[in-house]
């Protein structure tokens, strides 16, 4: 059985509602492990589209006149979606 998403010894650093959040993250992680190949291959595409929607919404809120070029958008999104989990994983390994 895989380790929990967040070690219980760090629970004092988070607000009271964090236990439910981490339980949900653990449940998601177990369900994601059982994804079929089609679901697993579509996950990066859906993640990129989700981040693009967030950027478009922020652009509407801040009334930006023009958007970034598509290639720059996708490069930034891929960087965030790849490097952020790697950084979190590296930080967790350092803590252990």
N, C-alpha and C. Protein backbone atom coordinates (compact mmCIF):
# COMPACT_ATOMS: atom_id res chain seq x y z
N UNK A 1 0.85 -1.18 0.00
CA UNK A 1 0.00 0.00 0.00
C UNK A 1 0.90 1.25 0.00
N UNK A 2 0.61 2.23 -0.88
CA UNK A 2 1.44 3.43 -0.94
C UNK A 2 1.31 4.28 0.31
N UNK A 3 2.36 5.11 0.52
CA UNK A 3 2.34 6.03 1.64
C UNK A 3 1.21 7.03 1.51
N UNK A 4 0.68 7.55 2.63
CA UNK A 4 -0.33 8.61 2.54
C UNK A 4 0.25 9.84 1.84
N UNK A 5 -0.64 10.66 1.30
CA UNK A 5 -0.20 11.84 0.56
C UNK A 5 0.64 12.75 1.42
N UNK A 6 0.28 12.94 2.65
CA UNK A 6 1.03 13.84 3.52
C UNK A 6 1.26 13.13 4.84
N UNK A 7 2.49 13.13 5.33
CA UNK A 7 2.77 12.44 6.60
C UNK A 7 1.98 13.05 7.75
N UNK A 8 1.53 12.21 8.65
CA UNK A 8 0.69 12.67 9.76
C UNK A 8 1.47 13.52 10.75
N UNK A 9 2.80 13.38 10.80
CA UNK A 9 3.56 14.19 11.75
C UNK A 9 3.55 15.67 11.39
N UNK A 10 3.20 16.02 10.15
CA UNK A 10 3.13 17.42 9.73
C UNK A 10 1.72 17.99 9.83
N UNK A 11 0.80 17.23 10.39
CA UNK A 11 -0.59 17.66 10.46
C UNK A 11 -0.77 18.93 11.28
N UNK A 12 0.12 19.19 12.23
CA UNK A 12 0.00 20.38 13.07
C UNK A 12 0.26 21.66 12.29
N UNK A 13 0.87 21.56 11.12
CA UNK A 13 1.17 22.75 10.31
C UNK A 13 -0.02 23.25 9.51
N UNK A 14 -1.07 22.45 9.45
CA UNK A 14 -2.20 22.78 8.58
C UNK A 14 -3.45 23.03 9.40
N UNK A 15 -4.41 23.78 8.82
CA UNK A 15 -5.67 24.04 9.53
C UNK A 15 -6.46 22.76 9.79
N UNK A 16 -7.49 22.89 10.59
CA UNK A 16 -8.28 21.72 10.99
C UNK A 16 -8.91 20.98 9.81
N UNK A 17 -9.32 21.68 8.78
CA UNK A 17 -9.96 21.04 7.64
C UNK A 17 -9.01 20.29 6.73
N UNK A 18 -7.72 20.35 7.00
CA UNK A 18 -6.76 19.74 6.10
C UNK A 18 -6.84 18.22 6.12
N UNK A 19 -7.30 17.63 7.21
CA UNK A 19 -7.40 16.17 7.27
C UNK A 19 -8.35 15.66 6.19
N UNK A 20 -9.46 16.34 6.00
CA UNK A 20 -10.41 15.94 4.96
C UNK A 20 -9.81 16.13 3.57
N UNK A 21 -9.08 17.23 3.39
CA UNK A 21 -8.44 17.47 2.09
C UNK A 21 -7.44 16.39 1.76
N UNK A 22 -6.59 16.02 2.72
CA UNK A 22 -5.59 15.00 2.47
C UNK A 22 -6.22 13.63 2.28
N UNK A 23 -7.33 13.38 2.97
CA UNK A 23 -8.05 12.12 2.75
C UNK A 23 -8.59 12.07 1.32
N UNK A 24 -9.11 13.20 0.83
CA UNK A 24 -9.60 13.25 -0.55
C UNK A 24 -8.46 13.08 -1.55
N UNK A 25 -7.31 13.70 -1.26
CA UNK A 25 -6.16 13.54 -2.15
C UNK A 25 -5.68 12.09 -2.20
N UNK A 26 -5.68 11.42 -1.06
CA UNK A 26 -5.30 10.01 -1.04
C UNK A 26 -6.28 9.15 -1.82
N UNK A 27 -7.58 9.44 -1.66
CA UNK A 27 -8.60 8.68 -2.40
C UNK A 27 -8.44 8.91 -3.90
N UNK A 28 -8.18 10.18 -4.30
CA UNK A 28 -7.97 10.47 -5.72
C UNK A 28 -6.75 9.71 -6.25
N UNK A 29 -5.68 9.68 -5.46
CA UNK A 29 -4.47 9.01 -5.89
C UNK A 29 -4.70 7.52 -6.11
N UNK A 30 -5.47 6.89 -5.22
CA UNK A 30 -5.76 5.47 -5.38
C UNK A 30 -6.66 5.22 -6.60
N UNK A 31 -7.62 6.11 -6.83
CA UNK A 31 -8.50 5.96 -7.98
C UNK A 31 -7.75 6.22 -9.29
N UNK A 32 -6.83 7.18 -9.27
CA UNK A 32 -6.06 7.49 -10.47
C UNK A 32 -5.15 6.33 -10.85
N UNK A 33 -4.70 5.57 -9.86
CA UNK A 33 -3.84 4.42 -10.15
C UNK A 33 -4.59 3.36 -10.93
N UNK A 34 -5.92 3.34 -10.82
CA UNK A 34 -6.71 2.33 -11.50
C UNK A 34 -7.28 2.82 -12.85
N UNK A 35 -6.84 3.99 -13.32
CA UNK A 35 -7.36 4.51 -14.59
C UNK A 35 -6.96 3.62 -15.75
N UNK A 36 -7.85 3.41 -16.69
CA UNK A 36 -7.45 2.68 -17.91
C UNK A 36 -6.54 3.55 -18.77
N UNK A 37 -5.98 2.96 -19.79
CA UNK A 37 -5.00 3.66 -20.64
C UNK A 37 -5.60 4.91 -21.28
N UNK A 38 -6.84 4.86 -21.74
CA UNK A 38 -7.46 6.01 -22.37
C UNK A 38 -7.62 7.16 -21.38
N UNK A 39 -8.05 6.87 -20.18
CA UNK A 39 -8.19 7.91 -19.16
C UNK A 39 -6.86 8.49 -18.76
N UNK A 40 -5.85 7.63 -18.66
CA UNK A 40 -4.52 8.10 -18.28
C UNK A 40 -3.90 8.96 -19.37
N UNK A 41 -4.14 8.62 -20.62
CA UNK A 41 -3.58 9.42 -21.71
C UNK A 41 -4.33 10.74 -21.89
N UNK A 42 -5.59 10.80 -21.51
CA UNK A 42 -6.34 12.05 -21.66
C UNK A 42 -6.14 12.99 -20.47
N UNK A 43 -5.59 12.51 -19.38
CA UNK A 43 -5.39 13.34 -18.19
C UNK A 43 -4.49 14.54 -18.47
N UNK A 44 -3.34 14.41 -19.15
CA UNK A 44 -2.53 15.61 -19.44
C UNK A 44 -3.26 16.63 -20.32
N UNK A 45 -4.02 16.15 -21.28
CA UNK A 45 -4.75 17.07 -22.17
C UNK A 45 -5.80 17.84 -21.38
N UNK A 46 -6.54 17.15 -20.54
CA UNK A 46 -7.56 17.80 -19.73
C UNK A 46 -6.91 18.79 -18.76
N UNK A 47 -5.75 18.42 -18.20
CA UNK A 47 -5.05 19.33 -17.29
C UNK A 47 -4.62 20.60 -18.01
N UNK A 48 -4.08 20.47 -19.21
CA UNK A 48 -3.67 21.64 -19.99
C UNK A 48 -4.86 22.53 -20.34
N UNK A 49 -5.96 21.92 -20.74
CA UNK A 49 -7.15 22.71 -21.05
C UNK A 49 -7.70 23.42 -19.81
N UNK A 50 -7.61 22.77 -18.67
CA UNK A 50 -8.06 23.37 -17.43
C UNK A 50 -7.23 24.61 -17.09
N UNK A 51 -5.91 24.50 -17.20
CA UNK A 51 -5.03 25.63 -16.91
C UNK A 51 -5.27 26.76 -17.91
N UNK A 52 -5.54 26.41 -19.15
CA UNK A 52 -5.81 27.43 -20.17
C UNK A 52 -7.11 28.18 -19.85
N UNK A 53 -8.10 27.46 -19.37
CA UNK A 53 -9.36 28.10 -18.97
C UNK A 53 -9.14 29.06 -17.81
N UNK A 54 -8.30 28.67 -16.87
CA UNK A 54 -7.99 29.56 -15.75
C UNK A 54 -7.32 30.83 -16.26
N UNK A 55 -6.35 30.69 -17.17
CA UNK A 55 -5.67 31.88 -17.70
C UNK A 55 -6.64 32.78 -18.46
N UNK A 56 -7.53 32.19 -19.23
CA UNK A 56 -8.50 32.99 -19.99
C UNK A 56 -9.42 33.74 -19.03
N UNK A 57 -9.83 33.09 -17.94
CA UNK A 57 -10.70 33.73 -16.97
C UNK A 57 -9.99 34.90 -16.28
N UNK A 58 -8.73 34.68 -15.88
CA UNK A 58 -7.97 35.78 -15.29
C UNK A 58 -7.80 36.93 -16.29
N UNK A 59 -7.61 36.61 -17.55
CA UNK A 59 -7.50 37.64 -18.57
C UNK A 59 -8.77 38.47 -18.67
N UNK A 60 -9.93 37.80 -18.55
CA UNK A 60 -11.20 38.53 -18.58
C UNK A 60 -11.37 39.39 -17.33
N UNK A 61 -10.97 38.86 -16.19
CA UNK A 61 -11.09 39.63 -14.95
C UNK A 61 -10.22 40.88 -15.01
N UNK A 62 -8.99 40.74 -15.51
CA UNK A 62 -8.05 41.85 -15.53
C UNK A 62 -8.11 42.67 -16.81
N UNK A 63 -9.05 42.33 -17.70
CA UNK A 63 -9.28 43.06 -18.95
C UNK A 63 -8.00 43.20 -19.78
N UNK A 64 -7.32 42.08 -20.01
CA UNK A 64 -6.11 42.13 -20.82
C UNK A 64 -6.49 42.36 -22.28
N UNK A 65 -5.69 43.14 -22.97
CA UNK A 65 -5.99 43.49 -24.35
C UNK A 65 -5.65 42.36 -25.31
N UNK A 66 -4.56 41.64 -25.03
CA UNK A 66 -4.20 40.54 -25.93
C UNK A 66 -3.69 39.36 -25.12
N UNK A 67 -3.78 38.20 -25.74
CA UNK A 67 -3.32 36.98 -25.09
C UNK A 67 -1.90 36.65 -25.54
N UNK A 68 -1.25 35.81 -24.75
CA UNK A 68 0.07 35.34 -25.14
C UNK A 68 -0.05 34.41 -26.34
N UNK A 69 1.03 34.29 -27.13
CA UNK A 69 1.00 33.32 -28.23
C UNK A 69 0.78 31.90 -27.70
N UNK A 70 0.11 31.09 -28.50
CA UNK A 70 -0.28 29.74 -28.09
C UNK A 70 0.92 28.89 -27.67
N UNK A 71 2.03 29.00 -28.41
CA UNK A 71 3.20 28.20 -28.08
C UNK A 71 3.77 28.57 -26.70
N UNK A 72 3.78 29.85 -26.39
CA UNK A 72 4.26 30.28 -25.06
C UNK A 72 3.31 29.81 -23.96
N UNK A 73 2.01 29.84 -24.24
CA UNK A 73 1.04 29.36 -23.26
C UNK A 73 1.28 27.88 -22.94
N UNK A 74 1.36 27.07 -23.98
CA UNK A 74 1.51 25.63 -23.80
C UNK A 74 2.85 25.30 -23.13
N UNK A 75 3.91 26.03 -23.47
CA UNK A 75 5.21 25.78 -22.84
C UNK A 75 5.14 26.09 -21.34
N UNK A 76 4.49 27.19 -20.99
CA UNK A 76 4.35 27.54 -19.57
C UNK A 76 3.48 26.52 -18.84
N UNK A 77 2.40 26.10 -19.45
CA UNK A 77 1.51 25.13 -18.81
C UNK A 77 2.23 23.81 -18.59
N UNK A 78 2.93 23.34 -19.61
CA UNK A 78 3.65 22.06 -19.48
C UNK A 78 4.72 22.16 -18.39
N UNK A 79 5.39 23.30 -18.34
CA UNK A 79 6.39 23.49 -17.30
C UNK A 79 5.78 23.40 -15.91
N UNK A 80 4.66 24.05 -15.72
CA UNK A 80 4.00 24.03 -14.41
C UNK A 80 3.49 22.63 -14.09
N UNK A 81 2.85 21.99 -15.05
CA UNK A 81 2.24 20.69 -14.80
C UNK A 81 3.27 19.57 -14.65
N UNK A 82 4.49 19.78 -15.13
CA UNK A 82 5.54 18.76 -14.98
C UNK A 82 6.46 19.09 -13.80
N UNK A 83 6.91 20.33 -13.73
CA UNK A 83 7.90 20.68 -12.71
C UNK A 83 7.30 20.79 -11.31
N UNK A 84 6.08 21.23 -11.19
CA UNK A 84 5.47 21.37 -9.86
C UNK A 84 5.36 20.02 -9.15
N UNK A 85 4.80 18.97 -9.78
CA UNK A 85 4.76 17.67 -9.09
C UNK A 85 6.16 17.13 -8.80
N UNK A 86 7.11 17.35 -9.70
CA UNK A 86 8.47 16.89 -9.46
C UNK A 86 9.08 17.61 -8.25
N UNK A 87 8.83 18.91 -8.15
CA UNK A 87 9.33 19.66 -7.00
C UNK A 87 8.70 19.22 -5.69
N UNK A 88 7.41 18.94 -5.73
CA UNK A 88 6.74 18.46 -4.51
C UNK A 88 7.29 17.09 -4.12
N UNK A 89 7.49 16.23 -5.12
CA UNK A 89 8.05 14.90 -4.83
C UNK A 89 9.45 14.99 -4.27
N UNK A 90 10.26 15.89 -4.82
CA UNK A 90 11.63 16.05 -4.31
C UNK A 90 11.62 16.60 -2.89
N UNK A 91 10.72 17.52 -2.61
CA UNK A 91 10.63 18.08 -1.26
C UNK A 91 10.18 17.02 -0.26
N UNK A 92 9.28 16.16 -0.68
CA UNK A 92 8.83 15.09 0.21
C UNK A 92 9.94 14.09 0.48
N UNK A 93 10.77 13.82 -0.52
CA UNK A 93 11.89 12.90 -0.31
C UNK A 93 12.92 13.50 0.65
N UNK A 94 13.11 14.80 0.56
CA UNK A 94 14.04 15.47 1.47
C UNK A 94 13.53 15.41 2.90
N UNK A 95 12.21 15.47 3.07
CA UNK A 95 11.62 15.48 4.42
C UNK A 95 11.68 14.11 5.08
N UNK A 96 11.79 13.06 4.28
CA UNK A 96 11.79 11.70 4.83
C UNK A 96 13.10 11.28 5.32
